Structure formats: structure tokens, C-alpha cells
PDB file of all heavy atoms in Angstrom:
ATOM      1  N   HIS A   1       4.857   3.407   1.522  1.00  0.00           N
ATOM      2  CA  HIS A   1       5.422   3.226   0.189  1.00  0.00           C
ATOM      3  C   HIS A   1       6.931   3.455   0.222  1.00  0.00           C
ATOM      4  O   HIS A   1       7.674   2.654  -0.358  1.00  0.00           O
ATOM      5  CB  HIS A   1       4.723   4.189  -0.793  1.00  0.00           C
ATOM      6  CG  HIS A   1       5.210   4.076  -2.187  1.00  0.00           C
ATOM      7  ND1 HIS A   1       5.990   5.010  -2.771  1.00  0.00           N
ATOM      8  CD2 HIS A   1       5.047   3.086  -3.095  1.00  0.00           C
ATOM      9  CE1 HIS A   1       6.282   4.635  -4.013  1.00  0.00           C
ATOM     10  NE2 HIS A   1       5.729   3.443  -4.235  1.00  0.00           N
ATOM     11  N   LYS A   2       7.388   4.483   0.899  1.00  0.00           N
ATOM     12  CA  LYS A   2       8.814   4.767   0.997  1.00  0.00           C
ATOM     13  C   LYS A   2       9.568   3.583   1.607  1.00  0.00           C
ATOM     14  O   LYS A   2      10.687   3.274   1.208  1.00  0.00           O
ATOM     15  CB  LYS A   2       9.008   6.015   1.847  1.00  0.00           C
ATOM     16  CG  LYS A   2      10.435   6.381   2.115  1.00  0.00           C
ATOM     17  CD  LYS A   2      10.883   7.471   1.189  1.00  0.00           C
ATOM     18  CE  LYS A   2      12.257   7.974   1.604  1.00  0.00           C
ATOM     19  NZ  LYS A   2      12.939   8.557   0.468  1.00  0.00           N
ATOM     20  N   LEU A   3       8.939   2.890   2.548  1.00  0.00           N
ATOM     21  CA  LEU A   3       9.569   1.755   3.207  1.00  0.00           C
ATOM     22  C   LEU A   3       9.483   0.471   2.371  1.00  0.00           C
ATOM     23  O   LEU A   3      10.021  -0.559   2.750  1.00  0.00           O
ATOM     24  CB  LEU A   3       8.934   1.516   4.596  1.00  0.00           C
ATOM     25  CG  LEU A   3       9.240   2.570   5.623  1.00  0.00           C
ATOM     26  CD1 LEU A   3       8.345   2.379   6.857  1.00  0.00           C
ATOM     27  CD2 LEU A   3      10.726   2.514   6.009  1.00  0.00           C
ATOM     28  N   GLY A   4       8.794   0.546   1.254  1.00  0.00           N
ATOM     29  CA  GLY A   4       8.654  -0.595   0.373  1.00  0.00           C
ATOM     30  C   GLY A   4       7.649  -1.616   0.771  1.00  0.00           C
ATOM     31  O   GLY A   4       7.650  -2.748   0.281  1.00  0.00           O
ATOM     32  N   LEU A   5       6.700  -1.246   1.644  1.00  0.00           N
ATOM     33  CA  LEU A   5       5.690  -2.173   2.078  1.00  0.00           C
ATOM     34  C   LEU A   5       4.491  -2.271   1.121  1.00  0.00           C
ATOM     35  O   LEU A   5       3.739  -3.197   1.189  1.00  0.00           O
ATOM     36  CB  LEU A   5       5.210  -1.806   3.507  1.00  0.00           C
ATOM     37  CG  LEU A   5       6.278  -1.915   4.584  1.00  0.00           C
ATOM     38  CD1 LEU A   5       5.700  -1.453   5.920  1.00  0.00           C
ATOM     39  CD2 LEU A   5       6.815  -3.313   4.704  1.00  0.00           C
ATOM     40  N   ILE A   6       4.355  -1.259   0.275  1.00  0.00           N
ATOM     41  CA  ILE A   6       3.374  -1.314  -0.795  1.00  0.00           C
ATOM     42  C   ILE A   6       4.070  -0.918  -2.099  1.00  0.00           C
ATOM     43  O   ILE A   6       5.056  -0.170  -2.081  1.00  0.00           O
ATOM     44  CB  ILE A   6       2.100  -0.455  -0.541  1.00  0.00           C
ATOM     45  CG1 ILE A   6       2.498   1.046  -0.333  1.00  0.00           C
ATOM     46  CG2 ILE A   6       1.327  -0.978   0.645  1.00  0.00           C
ATOM     47  CD1 ILE A   6       1.307   1.953  -0.249  1.00  0.00           C
ATOM     48  N   THR A   7       3.521  -1.371  -3.202  1.00  0.00           N
ATOM     49  CA  THR A   7       4.110  -1.141  -4.513  1.00  0.00           C
ATOM     50  C   THR A   7       3.623   0.189  -5.101  1.00  0.00           C
ATOM     51  O   THR A   7       2.687   0.815  -4.616  1.00  0.00           O
ATOM     52  CB  THR A   7       3.728  -2.276  -5.493  1.00  0.00           C
ATOM     53  OG1 THR A   7       2.313  -2.203  -5.718  1.00  0.00           O
ATOM     54  CG2 THR A   7       4.136  -3.658  -4.939  1.00  0.00           C
ATOM     55  N   ASP A   8       4.295   0.584  -6.218  1.00  0.00           N
ATOM     56  CA  ASP A   8       3.844   1.766  -6.962  1.00  0.00           C
ATOM     57  C   ASP A   8       2.410   1.615  -7.442  1.00  0.00           C
ATOM     58  O   ASP A   8       1.617   2.548  -7.377  1.00  0.00           O
ATOM     59  CB  ASP A   8       4.741   2.030  -8.164  1.00  0.00           C
ATOM     60  CG  ASP A   8       6.172   2.392  -7.814  1.00  0.00           C
ATOM     61  OD1 ASP A   8       6.390   2.806  -6.647  1.00  0.00           O
ATOM     62  OD2 ASP A   8       7.046   2.256  -8.673  1.00  0.00           O
ATOM     63  N   GLU A   9       2.058   0.424  -7.882  1.00  0.00           N
ATOM     64  CA  GLU A   9       0.710   0.162  -8.349  1.00  0.00           C
ATOM     65  C   GLU A   9      -0.311   0.276  -7.218  1.00  0.00           C
ATOM     66  O   GLU A   9      -1.406   0.816  -7.387  1.00  0.00           O
ATOM     67  CB  GLU A   9       0.623  -1.235  -9.019  1.00  0.00           C
ATOM     68  CG  GLU A   9       1.391  -1.354 -10.298  1.00  0.00           C
ATOM     69  CD  GLU A   9       2.892  -1.590 -10.081  1.00  0.00           C
ATOM     70  OE1 GLU A   9       3.315  -2.074  -9.009  1.00  0.00           O
ATOM     71  OE2 GLU A   9       3.678  -1.246 -10.965  1.00  0.00           O
ATOM     72  N   GLU A  10       0.045  -0.254  -6.052  1.00  0.00           N
ATOM     73  CA  GLU A  10      -0.861  -0.215  -4.920  1.00  0.00           C
ATOM     74  C   GLU A  10      -1.094   1.221  -4.419  1.00  0.00           C
ATOM     75  O   GLU A  10      -2.199   1.605  -4.058  1.00  0.00           O
ATOM     76  CB  GLU A  10      -0.328  -1.095  -3.796  1.00  0.00           C
ATOM     77  CG  GLU A  10      -0.460  -2.560  -4.076  1.00  0.00           C
ATOM     78  CD  GLU A  10       0.258  -3.468  -3.098  1.00  0.00           C
ATOM     79  OE1 GLU A  10       1.271  -3.012  -2.516  1.00  0.00           O
ATOM     80  OE2 GLU A  10      -0.168  -4.596  -2.912  1.00  0.00           O
ATOM     81  N   VAL A  11      -0.021   2.024  -4.460  1.00  0.00           N
ATOM     82  CA  VAL A  11      -0.175   3.397  -3.991  1.00  0.00           C
ATOM     83  C   VAL A  11      -1.078   4.236  -4.913  1.00  0.00           C
ATOM     84  O   VAL A  11      -1.704   5.182  -4.435  1.00  0.00           O
ATOM     85  CB  VAL A  11       1.238   4.076  -3.817  1.00  0.00           C
ATOM     86  CG1 VAL A  11       1.702   4.764  -5.056  1.00  0.00           C
ATOM     87  CG2 VAL A  11       1.249   5.022  -2.652  1.00  0.00           C
ATOM     88  N   GLU A  12      -1.207   3.846  -6.134  1.00  0.00           N
ATOM     89  CA  GLU A  12      -2.058   4.522  -7.100  1.00  0.00           C
ATOM     90  C   GLU A  12      -3.463   3.951  -7.139  1.00  0.00           C
ATOM     91  O   GLU A  12      -4.359   4.529  -7.767  1.00  0.00           O
ATOM     92  CB  GLU A  12      -1.454   4.480  -8.519  1.00  0.00           C
ATOM     93  CG  GLU A  12      -0.140   5.194  -8.598  1.00  0.00           C
ATOM     94  CD  GLU A  12      -0.235   6.680  -8.362  1.00  0.00           C
ATOM     95  OE1 GLU A  12      -1.285   7.290  -8.694  1.00  0.00           O
ATOM     96  OE2 GLU A  12       0.732   7.253  -7.825  1.00  0.00           O
ATOM     97  N   ASN A  13      -3.706   2.846  -6.481  1.00  0.00           N
ATOM     98  CA  ASN A  13      -4.990   2.141  -6.519  1.00  0.00           C
ATOM     99  C   ASN A  13      -5.994   2.797  -5.551  1.00  0.00           C
ATOM    100  O   ASN A  13      -5.582   3.308  -4.502  1.00  0.00           O
ATOM    101  CB  ASN A  13      -4.774   0.687  -6.142  1.00  0.00           C
ATOM    102  CG  ASN A  13      -5.964  -0.194  -6.454  1.00  0.00           C
ATOM    103  OD1 ASN A  13      -7.001  -0.074  -5.838  1.00  0.00           O
ATOM    104  ND2 ASN A  13      -5.782  -1.100  -7.407  1.00  0.00           N
ATOM    105  N   THR A  14      -7.250   2.752  -5.883  1.00  0.00           N
ATOM    106  CA  THR A  14      -8.289   3.300  -5.009  1.00  0.00           C
ATOM    107  C   THR A  14      -8.404   2.541  -3.684  1.00  0.00           C
ATOM    108  O   THR A  14      -8.968   3.076  -2.722  1.00  0.00           O
ATOM    109  CB  THR A  14      -9.681   3.311  -5.718  1.00  0.00           C
ATOM    110  OG1 THR A  14     -10.018   1.978  -6.080  1.00  0.00           O
ATOM    111  CG2 THR A  14      -9.694   4.202  -6.939  1.00  0.00           C
ATOM    112  N   LYS A  15      -7.857   1.341  -3.639  1.00  0.00           N
ATOM    113  CA  LYS A  15      -7.892   0.542  -2.405  1.00  0.00           C
ATOM    114  C   LYS A  15      -6.593   0.681  -1.611  1.00  0.00           C
ATOM    115  O   LYS A  15      -6.247  -0.181  -0.822  1.00  0.00           O
ATOM    116  CB  LYS A  15      -8.164  -0.905  -2.714  1.00  0.00           C
ATOM    117  CG  LYS A  15      -9.536  -1.140  -3.287  1.00  0.00           C
ATOM    118  CD  LYS A  15      -9.763  -2.620  -3.513  1.00  0.00           C
ATOM    119  CE  LYS A  15     -11.163  -2.835  -4.060  1.00  0.00           C
ATOM    120  NZ  LYS A  15     -11.526  -4.213  -4.097  1.00  0.00           N
ATOM    121  N   VAL A  16      -5.859   1.787  -1.804  1.00  0.00           N
ATOM    122  CA  VAL A  16      -4.562   1.945  -1.178  1.00  0.00           C
ATOM    123  C   VAL A  16      -4.633   1.847   0.352  1.00  0.00           C
ATOM    124  O   VAL A  16      -3.762   1.294   0.983  1.00  0.00           O
ATOM    125  CB  VAL A  16      -3.855   3.252  -1.617  1.00  0.00           C
ATOM    126  CG1 VAL A  16      -4.635   4.485  -1.134  1.00  0.00           C
ATOM    127  CG2 VAL A  16      -2.435   3.290  -1.154  1.00  0.00           C
ATOM    128  N   GLN A  17      -5.713   2.368   0.953  1.00  0.00           N
ATOM    129  CA  GLN A  17      -5.860   2.257   2.426  1.00  0.00           C
ATOM    130  C   GLN A  17      -5.858   0.789   2.858  1.00  0.00           C
ATOM    131  O   GLN A  17      -5.198   0.455   3.843  1.00  0.00           O
ATOM    132  CB  GLN A  17      -7.147   2.955   2.916  1.00  0.00           C
ATOM    133  CG  GLN A  17      -7.053   4.461   2.784  1.00  0.00           C
ATOM    134  CD  GLN A  17      -8.319   5.114   3.337  1.00  0.00           C
ATOM    135  OE1 GLN A  17      -9.419   4.733   2.933  1.00  0.00           O
ATOM    136  NE2 GLN A  17      -8.116   6.112   4.172  1.00  0.00           N
ATOM    137  N   ASP A  18      -6.568  -0.026   2.135  1.00  0.00           N
ATOM    138  CA  ASP A  18      -6.616  -1.438   2.484  1.00  0.00           C
ATOM    139  C   ASP A  18      -5.235  -2.088   2.334  1.00  0.00           C
ATOM    140  O   ASP A  18      -4.843  -2.903   3.172  1.00  0.00           O
ATOM    141  CB  ASP A  18      -7.616  -2.198   1.600  1.00  0.00           C
ATOM    142  CG  ASP A  18      -9.037  -1.722   1.807  1.00  0.00           C
ATOM    143  OD1 ASP A  18      -9.352  -1.333   2.947  1.00  0.00           O
ATOM    144  OD2 ASP A  18      -9.812  -1.744   0.850  1.00  0.00           O
ATOM    145  N   TYR A  19      -4.513  -1.728   1.333  1.00  0.00           N
ATOM    146  CA  TYR A  19      -3.168  -2.248   1.121  1.00  0.00           C
ATOM    147  C   TYR A  19      -2.222  -1.868   2.246  1.00  0.00           C
ATOM    148  O   TYR A  19      -1.417  -2.677   2.732  1.00  0.00           O
ATOM    149  CB  TYR A  19      -2.579  -1.823  -0.217  1.00  0.00           C
ATOM    150  CG  TYR A  19      -3.320  -2.355  -1.445  1.00  0.00           C
ATOM    151  CD1 TYR A  19      -3.657  -1.486  -2.465  1.00  0.00           C
ATOM    152  CD2 TYR A  19      -3.673  -3.670  -1.536  1.00  0.00           C
ATOM    153  CE1 TYR A  19      -4.324  -1.980  -3.580  1.00  0.00           C
ATOM    154  CE2 TYR A  19      -4.319  -4.170  -2.638  1.00  0.00           C
ATOM    155  CZ  TYR A  19      -4.696  -3.287  -3.664  1.00  0.00           C
ATOM    156  OH  TYR A  19      -5.338  -3.793  -4.757  1.00  0.00           O
ATOM    157  N   VAL A  20      -2.318  -0.607   2.671  1.00  0.00           N
ATOM    158  CA  VAL A  20      -1.482  -0.127   3.751  1.00  0.00           C
ATOM    159  C   VAL A  20      -1.801  -0.845   5.047  1.00  0.00           C
ATOM    160  O   VAL A  20      -0.892  -1.303   5.765  1.00  0.00           O
ATOM    161  CB  VAL A  20      -1.639   1.409   3.908  1.00  0.00           C
ATOM    162  CG1 VAL A  20      -0.960   1.886   5.210  1.00  0.00           C
ATOM    163  CG2 VAL A  20      -1.023   2.121   2.727  1.00  0.00           C
ATOM    164  N   ILE A  21      -3.070  -0.952   5.372  1.00  0.00           N
ATOM    165  CA  ILE A  21      -3.480  -1.657   6.588  1.00  0.00           C
ATOM    166  C   ILE A  21      -2.969  -3.101   6.595  1.00  0.00           C
ATOM    167  O   ILE A  21      -2.361  -3.556   7.564  1.00  0.00           O
ATOM    168  CB  ILE A  21      -5.032  -1.634   6.694  1.00  0.00           C
ATOM    169  CG1 ILE A  21      -5.503  -0.211   7.018  1.00  0.00           C
ATOM    170  CG2 ILE A  21      -5.518  -2.625   7.784  1.00  0.00           C
ATOM    171  CD1 ILE A  21      -6.999  -0.001   6.778  1.00  0.00           C
ATOM    172  N   LYS A  22      -3.149  -3.788   5.482  1.00  0.00           N
ATOM    173  CA  LYS A  22      -2.704  -5.190   5.376  1.00  0.00           C
ATOM    174  C   LYS A  22      -1.192  -5.271   5.477  1.00  0.00           C
ATOM    175  O   LYS A  22      -0.648  -6.171   6.132  1.00  0.00           O
ATOM    176  CB  LYS A  22      -3.206  -5.782   4.085  1.00  0.00           C
ATOM    177  CG  LYS A  22      -2.862  -7.243   3.904  1.00  0.00           C
ATOM    178  CD  LYS A  22      -3.376  -7.818   2.625  1.00  0.00           C
ATOM    179  CE  LYS A  22      -2.954  -9.280   2.453  1.00  0.00           C
ATOM    180  NZ  LYS A  22      -3.353  -9.845   1.205  1.00  0.00           N
ATOM    181  N   ALA A  23      -0.483  -4.345   4.826  1.00  0.00           N
ATOM    182  CA  ALA A  23       0.990  -4.370   4.832  1.00  0.00           C
ATOM    183  C   ALA A  23       1.518  -4.261   6.251  1.00  0.00           C
ATOM    184  O   ALA A  23       2.458  -4.984   6.629  1.00  0.00           O
ATOM    185  CB  ALA A  23       1.520  -3.258   3.948  1.00  0.00           C
ATOM    186  N   TRP A  24       0.961  -3.371   7.060  1.00  0.00           N
ATOM    187  CA  TRP A  24       1.432  -3.178   8.438  1.00  0.00           C
ATOM    188  C   TRP A  24       1.069  -4.373   9.301  1.00  0.00           C
ATOM    189  O   TRP A  24       1.883  -4.780  10.162  1.00  0.00           O
ATOM    190  CB  TRP A  24       0.958  -1.852   9.005  1.00  0.00           C
ATOM    191  CG  TRP A  24       1.815  -0.770   8.478  1.00  0.00           C
ATOM    192  CD1 TRP A  24       1.478   0.154   7.508  1.00  0.00           C
ATOM    193  CD2 TRP A  24       3.160  -0.497   8.839  1.00  0.00           C
ATOM    194  NE1 TRP A  24       2.536   0.963   7.270  1.00  0.00           N
ATOM    195  CE2 TRP A  24       3.592   0.598   8.047  1.00  0.00           C
ATOM    196  CE3 TRP A  24       4.048  -1.072   9.736  1.00  0.00           C
ATOM    197  CZ2 TRP A  24       4.872   1.136   8.148  1.00  0.00           C
ATOM    198  CZ3 TRP A  24       5.320  -0.541   9.820  1.00  0.00           C
ATOM    199  CH2 TRP A  24       5.729   0.535   9.048  1.00  0.00           C
ATOM    200  N   ILE A  25      -0.105  -4.944   9.112  1.00  0.00           N
ATOM    201  CA  ILE A  25      -0.474  -6.134   9.881  1.00  0.00           C
ATOM    202  C   ILE A  25       0.505  -7.230   9.600  1.00  0.00           C
ATOM    203  O   ILE A  25       1.024  -7.914  10.487  1.00  0.00           O
ATOM    204  CB  ILE A  25      -1.932  -6.558   9.579  1.00  0.00           C
ATOM    205  CG1 ILE A  25      -2.895  -5.540  10.156  1.00  0.00           C
ATOM    206  CG2 ILE A  25      -2.216  -7.964  10.082  1.00  0.00           C
ATOM    207  CD1 ILE A  25      -4.317  -5.709   9.664  1.00  0.00           C
TER     208      ILE A  25
END
């Protein structure tokens, strides 16, 4: 989140792990 790879909304979402995985890929 600090690096801007996920949004504020995504960090608060229950699927945040999926968003992080996808963002790094």
C-alpha cells in the first residue's frame, strides 16, 4: 500500500491478500 500498488479501498477489503498478490505479479 505504501508503494501505491494497492488502493486505500483495496487495503480495507476482505480480499486484500488477493489484491496484493495480483499487484506484485
